[in-house]
Amino acid sequence: MQQHLGRLDGVSKVEVSLLTGKVAVLPRPDAKLDPKKVLTATYDSGVTVAQMTITATGWVERNAAQQLVLRVNGDETFPLKLDAAAREIEPLAGTGRTITVRGRLYTKPGKESKQKPELQPLEILEIVRKR
């Protein structure tokens, strides 16, 4: 799996811990790393993904459908799961202020699920930094 994920565009390093069952995919500083491709590549390598978290920096805004999103660059956004944490940063929408969050993009739906995984709205687990 380490080699499989290491071939993805934008990947700098892949760290696998057999002890904890966790995999960390670290992006190159100058590259864009697509979480959907990481999730798909992991699944395609035969490994079951229990959950996927991400640390991302961007700004909060509303998309064309007025949904709250975290925009991490000009063309990449993550829809936000509307919970207490998202409501806490909602006042930043449209201000252009940068925020760093750690959030969950995927949780396996259940033991019986054999469906190919799809990213879910970003559930904010921690607000790392507001500027």
C-alpha atoms as a PDB file:
ATOM      1  CA  MET A   1       0.000   0.000   0.000  1.00  0.00           C
ATOM      2  CA  GLN A   2       2.862   2.365   0.814  1.00  0.00           C
ATOM      3  CA  GLN A   3       4.215   2.139  -2.743  1.00  0.00           C
ATOM      4  CA  HIS A   4       0.708   2.292  -4.238  1.00  0.00           C
ATOM      5  CA  LEU A   5      -0.139   5.549  -2.442  1.00  0.00           C
ATOM      6  CA  GLY A   6       3.364   6.935  -2.941  1.00  0.00           C
ATOM      7  CA  ARG A   7       2.786   6.959  -6.720  1.00  0.00           C
ATOM      8  CA  LEU A   8      -0.114   9.417  -6.473  1.00  0.00           C
ATOM      9  CA  ASP A   9       0.446  12.961  -7.747  1.00  0.00           C
ATOM     10  CA  GLY A  10       1.392  15.341  -4.972  1.00  0.00           C
ATOM     11  CA  VAL A  11       2.498  12.713  -2.435  1.00  0.00           C
ATOM     12  CA  SER A  12       5.753  13.428  -0.620  1.00  0.00           C
ATOM     13  CA  LYS A  13       5.746  10.575   1.878  1.00  0.00           C
ATOM     14  CA  VAL A  14       3.567   7.704   3.072  1.00  0.00           C
ATOM     15  CA  GLU A  15       3.929   6.493   6.660  1.00  0.00           C
ATOM     16  CA  VAL A  16       2.325   3.174   7.597  1.00  0.00           C
ATOM     17  CA  SER A  17       2.027   1.956  11.190  1.00  0.00           C
ATOM     18  CA  LEU A  18       1.160  -1.710  11.431  1.00  0.00           C
ATOM     19  CA  LEU A  19       0.893  -1.304  15.209  1.00  0.00           C
ATOM     20  CA  THR A  20      -1.923   1.277  15.071  1.00  0.00           C
ATOM     21  CA  GLY A  21      -3.312   0.469  11.625  1.00  0.00           C
ATOM     22  CA  LYS A  22      -2.937   4.110  10.593  1.00  0.00           C
ATOM     23  CA  VAL A  23      -1.555   5.499   7.363  1.00  0.00           C
ATOM     24  CA  ALA A  24      -0.380   9.102   6.971  1.00  0.00           C
ATOM     25  CA  VAL A  25      -0.113  10.522   3.463  1.00  0.00           C
ATOM     26  CA  LEU A  26       1.965  13.701   3.445  1.00  0.00           C
ATOM     27  CA  PRO A  27       1.722  16.081   0.491  1.00  0.00           C
ATOM     28  CA  ARG A  28       4.592  17.879  -1.192  1.00  0.00           C
ATOM     29  CA  PRO A  29       4.573  21.527  -0.065  1.00  0.00           C
ATOM     30  CA  ASP A  30       4.046  22.812  -3.600  1.00  0.00           C
ATOM     31  CA  ALA A  31       1.490  20.225  -4.704  1.00  0.00           C
ATOM     32  CA  LYS A  32      -2.232  19.644  -4.579  1.00  0.00           C
ATOM     33  CA  LEU A  33      -3.207  16.295  -3.060  1.00  0.00           C
ATOM     34  CA  ASP A  34      -6.653  15.006  -3.962  1.00  0.00           C
ATOM     35  CA  PRO A  35      -8.251  13.218  -0.943  1.00  0.00           C
ATOM     36  CA  LYS A  36     -10.719  11.419  -3.232  1.00  0.00           C
ATOM     37  CA  LYS A  37      -7.836   9.858  -5.176  1.00  0.00           C
ATOM     38  CA  VAL A  38      -6.133   8.832  -1.909  1.00  0.00           C
ATOM     39  CA  LEU A  39      -9.339   7.168  -0.685  1.00  0.00           C
ATOM     40  CA  THR A  40      -9.914   5.409  -4.020  1.00  0.00           C
ATOM     41  CA  ALA A  41      -6.284   4.259  -4.307  1.00  0.00           C
ATOM     42  CA  THR A  42      -6.394   2.854  -0.780  1.00  0.00           C
ATOM     43  CA  TYR A  43      -9.603   0.971  -1.524  1.00  0.00           C
ATOM     44  CA  ASP A  44      -8.238  -0.249  -4.879  1.00  0.00           C
ATOM     45  CA  SER A  45      -5.106  -1.593  -3.144  1.00  0.00           C
ATOM     46  CA  GLY A  46      -7.365  -3.958  -1.190  1.00  0.00           C
ATOM     47  CA  VAL A  47      -7.207  -2.154   2.134  1.00  0.00           C
ATOM     48  CA  THR A  48     -10.415  -1.285   3.993  1.00  0.00           C
ATOM     49  CA  VAL A  49     -10.588   2.336   5.103  1.00  0.00           C
ATOM     50  CA  ALA A  50     -12.295   2.838   8.462  1.00  0.00           C
ATOM     51  CA  GLN A  51     -12.002   6.617   8.420  1.00  0.00           C
ATOM     52  CA  MET A  52     -10.084   9.404   6.726  1.00  0.00           C
ATOM     53  CA  THR A  53      -9.069  12.652   8.369  1.00  0.00           C
ATOM     54  CA  ILE A  54      -7.388  15.686   6.868  1.00  0.00           C
ATOM     55  CA  THR A  55      -5.743  18.862   8.069  1.00  0.00           C
ATOM     56  CA  ALA A  56      -6.586  21.690   5.688  1.00  0.00           C
ATOM     57  CA  THR A  57      -6.077  25.434   5.530  1.00  0.00           C
ATOM     58  CA  GLY A  58      -8.493  27.664   3.660  1.00  0.00           C
ATOM     59  CA  TRP A  59     -11.330  30.085   4.085  1.00  0.00           C
ATOM     60  CA  VAL A  60     -15.022  29.612   4.789  1.00  0.00           C
ATOM     61  CA  GLU A  61     -17.562  30.694   2.206  1.00  0.00           C
ATOM     62  CA  ARG A  62     -20.900  29.754   0.712  1.00  0.00           C
ATOM     63  CA  ASN A  63     -21.033  28.017  -2.659  1.00  0.00           C
ATOM     64  CA  ALA A  64     -23.568  28.709  -5.420  1.00  0.00           C
ATOM     65  CA  ALA A  65     -26.141  26.551  -3.587  1.00  0.00           C
ATOM     66  CA  GLN A  66     -25.500  28.587  -0.399  1.00  0.00           C
ATOM     67  CA  GLN A  67     -23.909  25.581   1.347  1.00  0.00           C
ATOM     68  CA  LEU A  68     -21.101  26.283   3.791  1.00  0.00           C
ATOM     69  CA  VAL A  69     -17.743  25.108   2.374  1.00  0.00           C
ATOM     70  CA  LEU A  70     -14.051  25.296   3.173  1.00  0.00           C
ATOM     71  CA  ARG A  71     -12.181  26.561   0.093  1.00  0.00           C
ATOM     72  CA  VAL A  72      -8.575  25.388   0.175  1.00  0.00           C
ATOM     73  CA  ASN A  73      -7.525  26.921  -3.147  1.00  0.00           C
ATOM     74  CA  GLY A  74      -9.083  28.511  -6.194  1.00  0.00           C
ATOM     75  CA  ASP A  75     -10.951  25.437  -7.387  1.00  0.00           C
ATOM     76  CA  GLU A  76     -11.073  22.981  -4.486  1.00  0.00           C
ATOM     77  CA  THR A  77     -13.738  23.100  -1.787  1.00  0.00           C
ATOM     78  CA  PHE A  78     -14.975  20.753   0.883  1.00  0.00           C
ATOM     79  CA  PRO A  79     -18.659  20.953   1.860  1.00  0.00           C
ATOM     80  CA  LEU A  80     -18.961  21.220   5.635  1.00  0.00           C
ATOM     81  CA  LYS A  81     -21.081  18.965   7.808  1.00  0.00           C
ATOM     82  CA  LEU A  82     -23.452  21.333   9.572  1.00  0.00           C
ATOM     83  CA  ASP A  83     -22.816  20.676  13.230  1.00  0.00           C
ATOM     84  CA  ALA A  84     -21.729  22.763  16.221  1.00  0.00           C
ATOM     85  CA  ALA A  85     -18.135  23.115  14.984  1.00  0.00           C
ATOM     86  CA  ALA A  86     -19.243  24.331  11.553  1.00  0.00           C
ATOM     87  CA  ARG A  87     -21.628  26.799  13.155  1.00  0.00           C
ATOM     88  CA  GLU A  88     -18.706  28.100  15.232  1.00  0.00           C
ATOM     89  CA  ILE A  89     -16.790  29.084  12.094  1.00  0.00           C
ATOM     90  CA  GLU A  90     -19.858  30.113  10.056  1.00  0.00           C
ATOM     91  CA  PRO A  91     -19.385  33.806  10.971  1.00  0.00           C
ATOM     92  CA  LEU A  92     -16.093  33.689   9.013  1.00  0.00           C
ATOM     93  CA  ALA A  93     -17.976  32.949   5.772  1.00  0.00           C
ATOM     94  CA  GLY A  94     -17.179  35.547   3.159  1.00  0.00           C
ATOM     95  CA  THR A  95     -14.564  37.360   5.268  1.00  0.00           C
ATOM     96  CA  GLY A  96     -11.564  35.805   3.495  1.00  0.00           C
ATOM     97  CA  ARG A  97      -9.946  35.008   6.835  1.00  0.00           C
ATOM     98  CA  THR A  98      -7.789  31.886   6.739  1.00  0.00           C
ATOM     99  CA  ILE A  99      -8.506  28.996   9.056  1.00  0.00           C
ATOM    100  CA  THR A 100      -6.817  25.626   9.604  1.00  0.00           C
ATOM    101  CA  VAL A 101      -8.982  22.702  10.636  1.00  0.00           C
ATOM    102  CA  ARG A 102      -8.575  19.012  11.267  1.00  0.00           C
ATOM    103  CA  GLY A 103     -11.595  17.144  10.049  1.00  0.00           C
ATOM    104  CA  ARG A 104     -13.043  13.810   9.008  1.00  0.00           C
ATOM    105  CA  LEU A 105     -13.815  13.242   5.323  1.00  0.00           C
ATOM    106  CA  TYR A 106     -14.840   9.616   5.509  1.00  0.00           C
ATOM    107  CA  THR A 107     -16.181   7.081   7.998  1.00  0.00           C
ATOM    108  CA  LYS A 108     -16.948   3.536   6.896  1.00  0.00           C
ATOM    109  CA  PRO A 109     -20.739   3.140   6.925  1.00  0.00           C
ATOM    110  CA  GLY A 110     -20.822  -0.314   8.559  1.00  0.00           C
ATOM    111  CA  LYS A 111     -19.216  -3.718   8.727  1.00  0.00           C
ATOM    112  CA  GLU A 112     -21.411  -5.160   5.993  1.00  0.00           C
ATOM    113  CA  SER A 113     -20.809  -2.365   3.477  1.00  0.00           C
ATOM    114  CA  LYS A 114     -18.898  -3.440   0.363  1.00  0.00           C
ATOM    115  CA  GLN A 115     -19.557  -0.218  -1.536  1.00  0.00           C
ATOM    116  CA  LYS A 116     -16.677   1.768  -2.948  1.00  0.00           C
ATOM    117  CA  PRO A 117     -16.065   4.610  -0.469  1.00  0.00           C
ATOM    118  CA  GLU A 118     -17.112   8.176  -1.257  1.00  0.00           C
ATOM    119  CA  LEU A 119     -15.998  11.329   0.520  1.00  0.00           C
ATOM    120  CA  GLN A 120     -18.503  12.778   2.958  1.00  0.00           C
ATOM    121  CA  PRO A 121     -18.990  16.411   4.015  1.00  0.00           C
ATOM    122  CA  LEU A 122     -16.034  17.593   6.103  1.00  0.00           C
ATOM    123  CA  GLU A 123     -16.811  17.093   9.788  1.00  0.00           C
ATOM    124  CA  ILE A 124     -14.662  19.530  11.748  1.00  0.00           C
ATOM    125  CA  LEU A 125     -12.931  17.781  14.624  1.00  0.00           C
ATOM    126  CA  GLU A 126     -10.686  20.633  15.681  1.00  0.00           C
ATOM    127  CA  ILE A 127     -10.124  24.257  14.773  1.00  0.00           C
ATOM    128  CA  VAL A 128      -6.351  24.484  14.683  1.00  0.00           C
ATOM    129  CA  ARG A 129      -5.875  28.132  13.875  1.00  0.00           C
ATOM    130  CA  LYS A 130      -7.842  31.222  12.920  1.00  0.00           C
ATOM    131  CA  ARG A 131      -6.155  34.251  11.361  1.00  0.00           C
END
